[in-house]
Amino acid sequence: MKKLIKNREIVDDSWAIVENATNANDFPEGDLIVSLPIWQEHAEMLKKRKTQLGVLLASDEEPDAIKDDLDKLAVIAIDFPKFADGRGYSSAHELRIFYNYEGEIRAVGDVLRDQLFQMERCGFNSFAVRADRSIEDALSAFNDFSVTYQADTKNPQPLFRR
């Protein structure tokens, strides 16, 4: 079974990601994360399932597109198509700060150890580390820094105000 980091622990990943589907038979059993276009086309049918649901946002898709369904989504996965594409940081921050989303926000795609500490500060709490990298090594990234100066989603006060 695939592994991921969730809330700073390595856990099994039981979710299936579906990026292409044309009818109800294309969806596997169990918890699903579906792409935004699939969600927009099949949301009513998916909401009738007895499993947990999530949506995968591509780096160029805005959280605004799912704002009315956030209470139905257990996880929102945000894709990082390449290491240098930072749009997902803004999406996670927007979900936490402007939409008060309290569920799982998962970083997927080109997710590397060097990004995890900052991703967490922006609102991510789950990380699907790239398959060719050590998840154990990535987990240690959360210990790289002991103090942050700027405010973030967990601590809205900058260091000089704490």
N, C-alpha and C. Protein backbone atom coordinates (compact mmCIF):
# COMPACT_ATOMS: atom_id res chain seq x y z
N MET A 1 0.84 -1.18 0.00
CA MET A 1 0.00 0.00 0.00
C MET A 1 0.89 1.25 0.00
N LYS A 2 0.44 2.25 -0.72
CA LYS A 2 1.18 3.51 -0.75
C LYS A 2 1.19 4.15 0.63
N LYS A 3 2.21 4.95 0.86
CA LYS A 3 2.35 5.67 2.13
C LYS A 3 2.34 7.17 1.85
N LEU A 4 1.96 7.93 2.86
CA LEU A 4 2.05 9.39 2.80
C LEU A 4 2.31 9.91 4.19
N ILE A 5 2.66 11.18 4.25
CA ILE A 5 2.84 11.85 5.55
C ILE A 5 1.56 12.62 5.83
N LYS A 6 0.95 12.35 6.97
CA LYS A 6 -0.26 13.07 7.39
C LYS A 6 -0.09 13.46 8.84
N ASN A 7 -0.25 14.74 9.11
CA ASN A 7 -0.09 15.27 10.47
C ASN A 7 1.23 14.82 11.09
N ARG A 8 2.28 14.89 10.27
CA ARG A 8 3.66 14.58 10.67
C ARG A 8 3.88 13.12 11.05
N GLU A 9 3.08 12.23 10.50
CA GLU A 9 3.27 10.80 10.70
C GLU A 9 3.16 10.08 9.36
N ILE A 10 3.88 9.00 9.20
CA ILE A 10 3.77 8.18 7.99
C ILE A 10 2.59 7.24 8.17
N VAL A 11 1.64 7.29 7.23
CA VAL A 11 0.42 6.48 7.30
C VAL A 11 0.16 5.83 5.94
N ASP A 12 -0.70 4.82 5.93
CA ASP A 12 -1.13 4.19 4.69
C ASP A 12 -2.07 5.14 3.95
N ASP A 13 -1.96 5.14 2.64
CA ASP A 13 -2.83 5.96 1.79
C ASP A 13 -3.85 5.05 1.12
N SER A 14 -5.07 5.08 1.60
CA SER A 14 -6.12 4.20 1.08
C SER A 14 -6.97 4.87 -0.01
N TRP A 15 -6.67 6.10 -0.33
CA TRP A 15 -7.48 6.85 -1.29
C TRP A 15 -7.07 6.50 -2.73
N ALA A 16 -8.07 6.40 -3.60
CA ALA A 16 -7.82 6.22 -5.03
C ALA A 16 -8.02 7.57 -5.71
N ILE A 17 -7.08 7.93 -6.58
CA ILE A 17 -7.21 9.18 -7.34
C ILE A 17 -7.72 8.85 -8.73
N VAL A 18 -8.81 9.51 -9.12
CA VAL A 18 -9.42 9.30 -10.44
C VAL A 18 -9.35 10.62 -11.19
N GLU A 19 -8.59 10.62 -12.27
CA GLU A 19 -8.45 11.84 -13.07
C GLU A 19 -9.24 11.77 -14.37
N ASN A 20 -9.65 10.56 -14.78
CA ASN A 20 -10.42 10.39 -16.01
C ASN A 20 -11.55 9.41 -15.75
N ALA A 21 -12.77 9.81 -16.05
CA ALA A 21 -13.93 8.92 -15.92
C ALA A 21 -15.04 9.47 -16.81
N THR A 22 -15.76 8.55 -17.42
CA THR A 22 -16.86 8.99 -18.28
C THR A 22 -18.21 8.53 -17.77
N ASN A 23 -18.25 7.49 -16.91
CA ASN A 23 -19.52 7.04 -16.36
C ASN A 23 -19.31 6.44 -14.97
N ALA A 24 -20.40 6.07 -14.32
CA ALA A 24 -20.36 5.59 -12.94
C ALA A 24 -19.52 4.33 -12.79
N ASN A 25 -19.41 3.53 -13.82
CA ASN A 25 -18.64 2.29 -13.75
C ASN A 25 -17.14 2.54 -13.70
N ASP A 26 -16.70 3.74 -14.01
CA ASP A 26 -15.27 4.06 -14.01
C ASP A 26 -14.72 4.36 -12.62
N PHE A 27 -15.58 4.43 -11.61
CA PHE A 27 -15.15 4.77 -10.26
C PHE A 27 -14.94 3.52 -9.43
N PRO A 28 -13.75 3.34 -8.86
CA PRO A 28 -13.52 2.17 -8.01
C PRO A 28 -14.25 2.31 -6.68
N GLU A 29 -14.34 1.20 -5.97
CA GLU A 29 -14.92 1.22 -4.62
C GLU A 29 -13.95 1.95 -3.69
N GLY A 30 -14.45 2.39 -2.55
CA GLY A 30 -13.60 3.01 -1.54
C GLY A 30 -13.57 4.52 -1.65
N ASP A 31 -12.70 5.11 -0.84
CA ASP A 31 -12.56 6.56 -0.79
C ASP A 31 -11.92 7.06 -2.08
N LEU A 32 -12.47 8.16 -2.62
CA LEU A 32 -12.03 8.68 -3.92
C LEU A 32 -11.61 10.13 -3.85
N ILE A 33 -10.56 10.44 -4.58
CA ILE A 33 -10.19 11.82 -4.88
C ILE A 33 -10.36 11.93 -6.39
N VAL A 34 -11.22 12.83 -6.83
CA VAL A 34 -11.48 12.99 -8.26
C VAL A 34 -11.01 14.37 -8.73
N SER A 35 -10.65 14.44 -9.99
CA SER A 35 -10.23 15.73 -10.55
C SER A 35 -11.40 16.70 -10.54
N LEU A 36 -11.10 17.98 -10.59
CA LEU A 36 -12.14 19.00 -10.59
C LEU A 36 -13.13 18.82 -11.75
N PRO A 37 -12.68 18.57 -12.99
CA PRO A 37 -13.66 18.37 -14.06
C PRO A 37 -14.60 17.19 -13.79
N ILE A 38 -14.09 16.11 -13.21
CA ILE A 38 -14.96 14.98 -12.88
C ILE A 38 -15.95 15.37 -11.79
N TRP A 39 -15.46 16.09 -10.77
CA TRP A 39 -16.35 16.55 -9.70
C TRP A 39 -17.46 17.42 -10.28
N GLN A 40 -17.12 18.34 -11.15
CA GLN A 40 -18.12 19.24 -11.71
C GLN A 40 -19.15 18.48 -12.55
N GLU A 41 -18.74 17.40 -13.19
CA GLU A 41 -19.65 16.63 -14.04
C GLU A 41 -20.45 15.59 -13.26
N HIS A 42 -19.86 14.98 -12.23
CA HIS A 42 -20.49 13.84 -11.55
C HIS A 42 -20.76 14.08 -10.06
N ALA A 43 -20.73 15.30 -9.60
CA ALA A 43 -20.84 15.58 -8.16
C ALA A 43 -22.09 14.98 -7.54
N GLU A 44 -23.22 15.13 -8.17
CA GLU A 44 -24.47 14.63 -7.57
C GLU A 44 -24.44 13.12 -7.39
N MET A 45 -23.93 12.41 -8.38
CA MET A 45 -23.82 10.96 -8.27
C MET A 45 -22.78 10.57 -7.21
N LEU A 46 -21.65 11.27 -7.17
CA LEU A 46 -20.61 10.96 -6.20
C LEU A 46 -21.07 11.22 -4.77
N LYS A 47 -21.85 12.24 -4.55
CA LYS A 47 -22.34 12.57 -3.20
C LYS A 47 -23.25 11.47 -2.63
N LYS A 48 -23.79 10.61 -3.48
CA LYS A 48 -24.66 9.52 -3.04
C LYS A 48 -23.87 8.31 -2.57
N ARG A 49 -22.56 8.29 -2.83
CA ARG A 49 -21.72 7.18 -2.38
C ARG A 49 -21.62 7.18 -0.86
N LYS A 50 -21.34 6.04 -0.31
CA LYS A 50 -21.20 5.92 1.15
C LYS A 50 -19.74 5.97 1.57
N THR A 51 -18.88 6.46 0.70
CA THR A 51 -17.46 6.57 1.00
C THR A 51 -17.07 8.04 1.08
N GLN A 52 -15.87 8.29 1.58
CA GLN A 52 -15.38 9.66 1.66
C GLN A 52 -14.96 10.15 0.27
N LEU A 53 -15.07 11.47 0.08
CA LEU A 53 -14.75 12.06 -1.20
C LEU A 53 -13.73 13.17 -1.06
N GLY A 54 -12.98 13.38 -2.12
CA GLY A 54 -12.03 14.47 -2.19
C GLY A 54 -11.94 14.97 -3.62
N VAL A 55 -11.36 16.15 -3.78
CA VAL A 55 -11.17 16.74 -5.10
C VAL A 55 -9.70 17.05 -5.29
N LEU A 56 -9.22 16.80 -6.50
CA LEU A 56 -7.85 17.13 -6.89
C LEU A 56 -7.89 18.42 -7.70
N LEU A 57 -7.21 19.44 -7.20
CA LEU A 57 -7.10 20.70 -7.92
C LEU A 57 -5.76 20.73 -8.66
N ALA A 58 -5.82 20.98 -9.96
CA ALA A 58 -4.59 21.20 -10.73
C ALA A 58 -4.02 22.55 -10.31
N SER A 59 -2.78 22.79 -10.65
CA SER A 59 -2.13 24.03 -10.21
C SER A 59 -2.79 25.28 -10.78
N ASP A 60 -3.50 25.16 -11.89
CA ASP A 60 -4.16 26.33 -12.48
C ASP A 60 -5.65 26.41 -12.14
N GLU A 61 -6.13 25.57 -11.21
CA GLU A 61 -7.53 25.60 -10.80
C GLU A 61 -7.66 26.25 -9.42
N GLU A 62 -8.67 27.06 -9.27
CA GLU A 62 -8.86 27.86 -8.05
C GLU A 62 -9.76 27.16 -7.04
N PRO A 63 -9.47 27.29 -5.75
CA PRO A 63 -10.34 26.73 -4.72
C PRO A 63 -11.77 27.28 -4.77
N ASP A 64 -11.94 28.44 -5.32
CA ASP A 64 -13.26 29.04 -5.47
C ASP A 64 -14.23 28.10 -6.19
N ALA A 65 -13.69 27.25 -7.07
CA ALA A 65 -14.53 26.34 -7.86
C ALA A 65 -15.23 25.29 -7.00
N ILE A 66 -14.73 25.03 -5.79
CA ILE A 66 -15.34 24.02 -4.92
C ILE A 66 -15.85 24.60 -3.60
N LYS A 67 -15.87 25.91 -3.49
CA LYS A 67 -16.20 26.53 -2.20
C LYS A 67 -17.56 26.12 -1.65
N ASP A 68 -18.54 25.84 -2.51
CA ASP A 68 -19.86 25.47 -2.04
C ASP A 68 -19.95 24.01 -1.61
N ASP A 69 -18.94 23.21 -1.90
CA ASP A 69 -18.95 21.79 -1.57
C ASP A 69 -17.93 21.40 -0.50
N LEU A 70 -17.26 22.36 0.11
CA LEU A 70 -16.20 22.04 1.06
C LEU A 70 -16.67 21.17 2.21
N ASP A 71 -17.90 21.32 2.64
CA ASP A 71 -18.41 20.52 3.75
C ASP A 71 -18.63 19.06 3.37
N LYS A 72 -18.59 18.74 2.08
CA LYS A 72 -18.77 17.37 1.61
C LYS A 72 -17.45 16.69 1.29
N LEU A 73 -16.35 17.43 1.37
CA LEU A 73 -15.05 16.92 0.96
C LEU A 73 -14.16 16.65 2.17
N ALA A 74 -13.71 15.41 2.30
CA ALA A 74 -12.83 15.04 3.40
C ALA A 74 -11.38 15.42 3.12
N VAL A 75 -11.04 15.53 1.84
CA VAL A 75 -9.67 15.87 1.45
C VAL A 75 -9.70 16.70 0.18
N ILE A 76 -8.78 17.65 0.13
CA ILE A 76 -8.54 18.39 -1.10
C ILE A 76 -7.07 18.20 -1.42
N ALA A 77 -6.83 17.57 -2.56
CA ALA A 77 -5.46 17.35 -3.02
C ALA A 77 -5.10 18.47 -3.98
N ILE A 78 -3.91 18.99 -3.85
CA ILE A 78 -3.44 20.07 -4.73
C ILE A 78 -2.19 19.59 -5.43
N ASP A 79 -2.24 19.62 -6.75
CA ASP A 79 -1.15 19.08 -7.56
C ASP A 79 -0.03 20.09 -7.75
N PHE A 80 1.19 19.58 -7.59
CA PHE A 80 2.40 20.32 -7.91
C PHE A 80 3.03 19.63 -9.11
N PRO A 81 2.77 20.15 -10.33
CA PRO A 81 3.25 19.46 -11.53
C PRO A 81 4.76 19.47 -11.65
N LYS A 82 5.41 20.45 -11.04
CA LYS A 82 6.87 20.49 -11.00
C LYS A 82 7.29 21.27 -9.76
N PHE A 83 8.48 21.00 -9.32
CA PHE A 83 9.01 21.58 -8.09
C PHE A 83 8.89 23.11 -8.05
N ALA A 84 9.12 23.75 -9.19
CA ALA A 84 9.16 25.21 -9.23
C ALA A 84 7.78 25.88 -9.33
N ASP A 85 6.72 25.11 -9.41
CA ASP A 85 5.37 25.68 -9.53
C ASP A 85 4.79 25.88 -8.14
N GLY A 86 4.71 27.11 -7.68
CA GLY A 86 4.29 27.39 -6.32
C GLY A 86 2.84 27.82 -6.16
N ARG A 87 2.03 27.70 -7.19
CA ARG A 87 0.64 28.15 -7.09
C ARG A 87 -0.15 27.39 -6.04
N GLY A 88 0.21 26.14 -5.79
CA GLY A 88 -0.50 25.34 -4.80
C GLY A 88 -0.40 25.89 -3.38
N TYR A 89 0.69 26.57 -3.07
CA TYR A 89 0.83 27.19 -1.75
C TYR A 89 -0.30 28.19 -1.51
N SER A 90 -0.58 28.99 -2.52
CA SER A 90 -1.65 29.99 -2.40
C SER A 90 -3.01 29.32 -2.26
N SER A 91 -3.22 28.24 -2.99
CA SER A 91 -4.50 27.53 -2.90
C SER A 91 -4.74 26.99 -1.49
N ALA A 92 -3.72 26.37 -0.91
CA ALA A 92 -3.86 25.84 0.45
C ALA A 92 -4.13 26.96 1.45
N HIS A 93 -3.39 28.05 1.33
CA HIS A 93 -3.58 29.19 2.22
C HIS A 93 -5.00 29.74 2.09
N GLU A 94 -5.46 29.87 0.88
CA GLU A 94 -6.82 30.38 0.64
C GLU A 94 -7.87 29.45 1.27
N LEU A 95 -7.71 28.15 1.11
CA LEU A 95 -8.66 27.21 1.69
C LEU A 95 -8.71 27.34 3.21
N ARG A 96 -7.56 27.48 3.85
CA ARG A 96 -7.52 27.56 5.32
C ARG A 96 -8.01 28.92 5.84
N ILE A 97 -7.53 29.99 5.23
CA ILE A 97 -7.79 31.33 5.76
C ILE A 97 -9.13 31.90 5.30
N PHE A 98 -9.41 31.86 4.02
CA PHE A 98 -10.62 32.50 3.50
C PHE A 98 -11.86 31.61 3.54
N TYR A 99 -11.67 30.29 3.41
CA TYR A 99 -12.81 29.38 3.42
C TYR A 99 -12.91 28.56 4.70
N ASN A 100 -11.97 28.75 5.63
CA ASN A 100 -11.98 28.05 6.92
C ASN A 100 -12.09 26.53 6.78
N TYR A 101 -11.48 25.99 5.75
CA TYR A 101 -11.52 24.55 5.53
C TYR A 101 -10.64 23.87 6.57
N GLU A 102 -11.20 22.92 7.29
CA GLU A 102 -10.49 22.25 8.37
C GLU A 102 -10.11 20.81 8.04
N GLY A 103 -10.50 20.33 6.87
CA GLY A 103 -10.18 18.96 6.48
C GLY A 103 -8.74 18.81 6.02
N GLU A 104 -8.48 17.67 5.42
CA GLU A 104 -7.14 17.36 4.95
C GLU A 104 -6.84 18.11 3.65
N ILE A 105 -5.70 18.78 3.62
CA ILE A 105 -5.20 19.37 2.38
C ILE A 105 -3.91 18.65 2.06
N ARG A 106 -3.92 17.94 0.92
CA ARG A 106 -2.82 17.05 0.56
C ARG A 106 -2.04 17.60 -0.63
N ALA A 107 -0.73 17.65 -0.49
CA ALA A 107 0.16 18.02 -1.60
C ALA A 107 0.49 16.74 -2.37
N VAL A 108 0.27 16.76 -3.69
CA VAL A 108 0.57 15.62 -4.55
C VAL A 108 1.38 16.09 -5.74
N GLY A 109 2.01 15.15 -6.42
CA GLY A 109 2.81 15.49 -7.60
C GLY A 109 4.29 15.53 -7.27
N ASP A 110 4.95 16.57 -7.72
CA ASP A 110 6.39 16.71 -7.53
C ASP A 110 6.65 17.31 -6.14
N VAL A 111 6.37 16.51 -5.11
CA VAL A 111 6.49 16.94 -3.71
C VAL A 111 7.79 16.40 -3.14
N LEU A 112 8.66 17.32 -2.74
CA LEU A 112 9.99 16.96 -2.26
C LEU A 112 10.20 17.42 -0.81
N ARG A 113 11.16 16.83 -0.16
CA ARG A 113 11.48 17.13 1.24
C ARG A 113 11.64 18.62 1.49
N ASP A 114 12.34 19.32 0.61
CA ASP A 114 12.64 20.74 0.82
C ASP A 114 11.40 21.62 0.88
N GLN A 115 10.28 21.14 0.41
CA GLN A 115 9.06 21.93 0.37
C GLN A 115 8.17 21.75 1.60
N LEU A 116 8.31 20.65 2.31
CA LEU A 116 7.31 20.26 3.30
C LEU A 116 7.11 21.27 4.42
N PHE A 117 8.17 21.81 4.96
CA PHE A 117 8.05 22.75 6.07
C PHE A 117 7.22 23.97 5.65
N GLN A 118 7.53 24.53 4.49
CA GLN A 118 6.78 25.70 4.02
C GLN A 118 5.36 25.34 3.61
N MET A 119 5.18 24.17 3.01
CA MET A 119 3.83 23.73 2.66
C MET A 119 2.95 23.65 3.90
N GLU A 120 3.48 23.09 4.97
CA GLU A 120 2.71 22.99 6.21
C GLU A 120 2.33 24.38 6.72
N ARG A 121 3.23 25.32 6.62
CA ARG A 121 2.94 26.68 7.09
C ARG A 121 1.84 27.33 6.27
N CYS A 122 1.67 26.91 5.02
CA CYS A 122 0.63 27.46 4.15
C CYS A 122 -0.71 26.76 4.32
N GLY A 123 -0.74 25.64 5.04
CA GLY A 123 -2.01 24.99 5.30
C GLY A 123 -2.08 23.51 4.98
N PHE A 124 -1.08 22.96 4.32
CA PHE A 124 -1.09 21.52 4.03
C PHE A 124 -0.88 20.74 5.32
N ASN A 125 -1.56 19.60 5.44
CA ASN A 125 -1.31 18.71 6.56
C ASN A 125 -1.07 17.27 6.10
N SER A 126 -1.00 17.08 4.78
CA SER A 126 -0.78 15.76 4.22
C SER A 126 0.09 15.90 2.97
N PHE A 127 1.01 14.94 2.79
CA PHE A 127 2.00 15.06 1.73
C PHE A 127 2.26 13.70 1.09
N ALA A 128 1.98 13.60 -0.20
CA ALA A 128 2.30 12.39 -0.97
C ALA A 128 3.66 12.64 -1.62
N VAL A 129 4.70 12.26 -0.93
CA VAL A 129 6.08 12.51 -1.38
C VAL A 129 6.33 11.73 -2.66
N ARG A 130 7.08 12.33 -3.56
CA ARG A 130 7.41 11.70 -4.83
C ARG A 130 7.93 10.28 -4.61
N ALA A 131 7.50 9.35 -5.43
CA ALA A 131 7.79 7.93 -5.23
C ALA A 131 9.27 7.59 -5.23
N ASP A 132 10.09 8.37 -5.92
CA ASP A 132 11.52 8.05 -5.98
C ASP A 132 12.31 8.67 -4.82
N ARG A 133 11.62 9.21 -3.83
CA ARG A 133 12.28 9.83 -2.67
C ARG A 133 11.92 9.08 -1.40
N SER A 134 12.75 9.21 -0.40
CA SER A 134 12.53 8.54 0.88
C SER A 134 11.51 9.32 1.72
N ILE A 135 10.43 8.64 2.05
CA ILE A 135 9.41 9.28 2.88
C ILE A 135 9.92 9.50 4.30
N GLU A 136 10.77 8.60 4.78
CA GLU A 136 11.35 8.76 6.12
C GLU A 136 12.24 9.99 6.19
N ASP A 137 13.05 10.20 5.15
CA ASP A 137 13.89 11.39 5.10
C ASP A 137 13.03 12.64 5.02
N ALA A 138 11.98 12.58 4.20
CA ALA A 138 11.08 13.74 4.06
C ALA A 138 10.44 14.11 5.39
N LEU A 139 10.09 13.13 6.18
CA LEU A 139 9.46 13.38 7.48
C LEU A 139 10.36 14.24 8.38
N SER A 140 11.66 14.08 8.26
CA SER A 140 12.58 14.86 9.10
C SER A 140 12.61 16.34 8.72
N ALA A 141 12.04 16.72 7.60
CA ALA A 141 12.03 18.12 7.16
C ALA A 141 11.32 19.04 8.16
N PHE A 142 10.38 18.48 8.90
CA PHE A 142 9.63 19.31 9.85
C PHE A 142 10.48 19.75 11.04
N ASN A 143 11.66 19.20 11.17
CA ASN A 143 12.57 19.56 12.26
C ASN A 143 13.70 20.48 11.80
N ASP A 144 13.65 20.92 10.55
CA ASP A 144 14.73 21.76 10.01
C ASP A 144 14.79 23.14 10.67
N PHE A 145 13.64 23.67 11.07
CA PHE A 145 13.58 25.00 11.65
C PHE A 145 12.81 24.95 12.96
N SER A 146 13.29 25.68 13.94
CA SER A 146 12.60 25.68 15.23
C SER A 146 11.81 26.97 15.47
N VAL A 147 12.12 28.02 14.74
CA VAL A 147 11.46 29.31 14.90
C VAL A 147 11.16 29.88 13.52
N THR A 148 9.98 30.47 13.39
CA THR A 148 9.65 31.18 12.16
C THR A 148 9.33 32.62 12.51
N TYR A 149 9.74 33.51 11.65
CA TYR A 149 9.53 34.93 11.90
C TYR A 149 8.15 35.38 11.42
N GLN A 150 7.77 34.92 10.22
CA GLN A 150 6.52 35.37 9.62
C GLN A 150 5.31 34.65 10.23
N ALA A 151 4.15 35.26 10.07
CA ALA A 151 2.90 34.62 10.44
C ALA A 151 2.59 33.52 9.43
N ASP A 152 1.77 32.56 9.83
CA ASP A 152 1.33 31.52 8.90
C ASP A 152 -0.06 31.04 9.30
N THR A 153 -0.55 29.97 8.67
CA THR A 153 -1.92 29.53 8.93
C THR A 153 -2.10 28.99 10.34
N LYS A 154 -1.05 28.48 10.95
CA LYS A 154 -1.15 27.95 12.31
C LYS A 154 -0.91 29.02 13.37
N ASN A 155 -0.06 29.98 13.07
CA ASN A 155 0.28 31.04 14.01
C ASN A 155 0.16 32.38 13.31
N PRO A 156 -0.96 33.06 13.47
CA PRO A 156 -1.19 34.32 12.74
C PRO A 156 -0.36 35.51 13.23
N GLN A 157 0.40 35.32 14.29
CA GLN A 157 1.22 36.40 14.84
C GLN A 157 2.67 36.26 14.36
N PRO A 158 3.27 37.33 13.85
CA PRO A 158 4.70 37.25 13.54
C PRO A 158 5.49 37.15 14.84
N LEU A 159 6.74 36.76 14.74
CA LEU A 159 7.56 36.51 15.92
C LEU A 159 7.62 37.72 16.86
N PHE A 160 7.73 38.93 16.33
CA PHE A 160 7.87 40.09 17.20
C PHE A 160 6.59 40.40 17.98
N ARG A 161 5.48 39.78 17.66
CA ARG A 161 4.22 39.98 18.40
C ARG A 161 3.89 38.81 19.32
N ARG A 162 4.68 37.75 19.29
CA ARG A 162 4.40 36.58 20.14
C ARG A 162 4.94 36.80 21.52
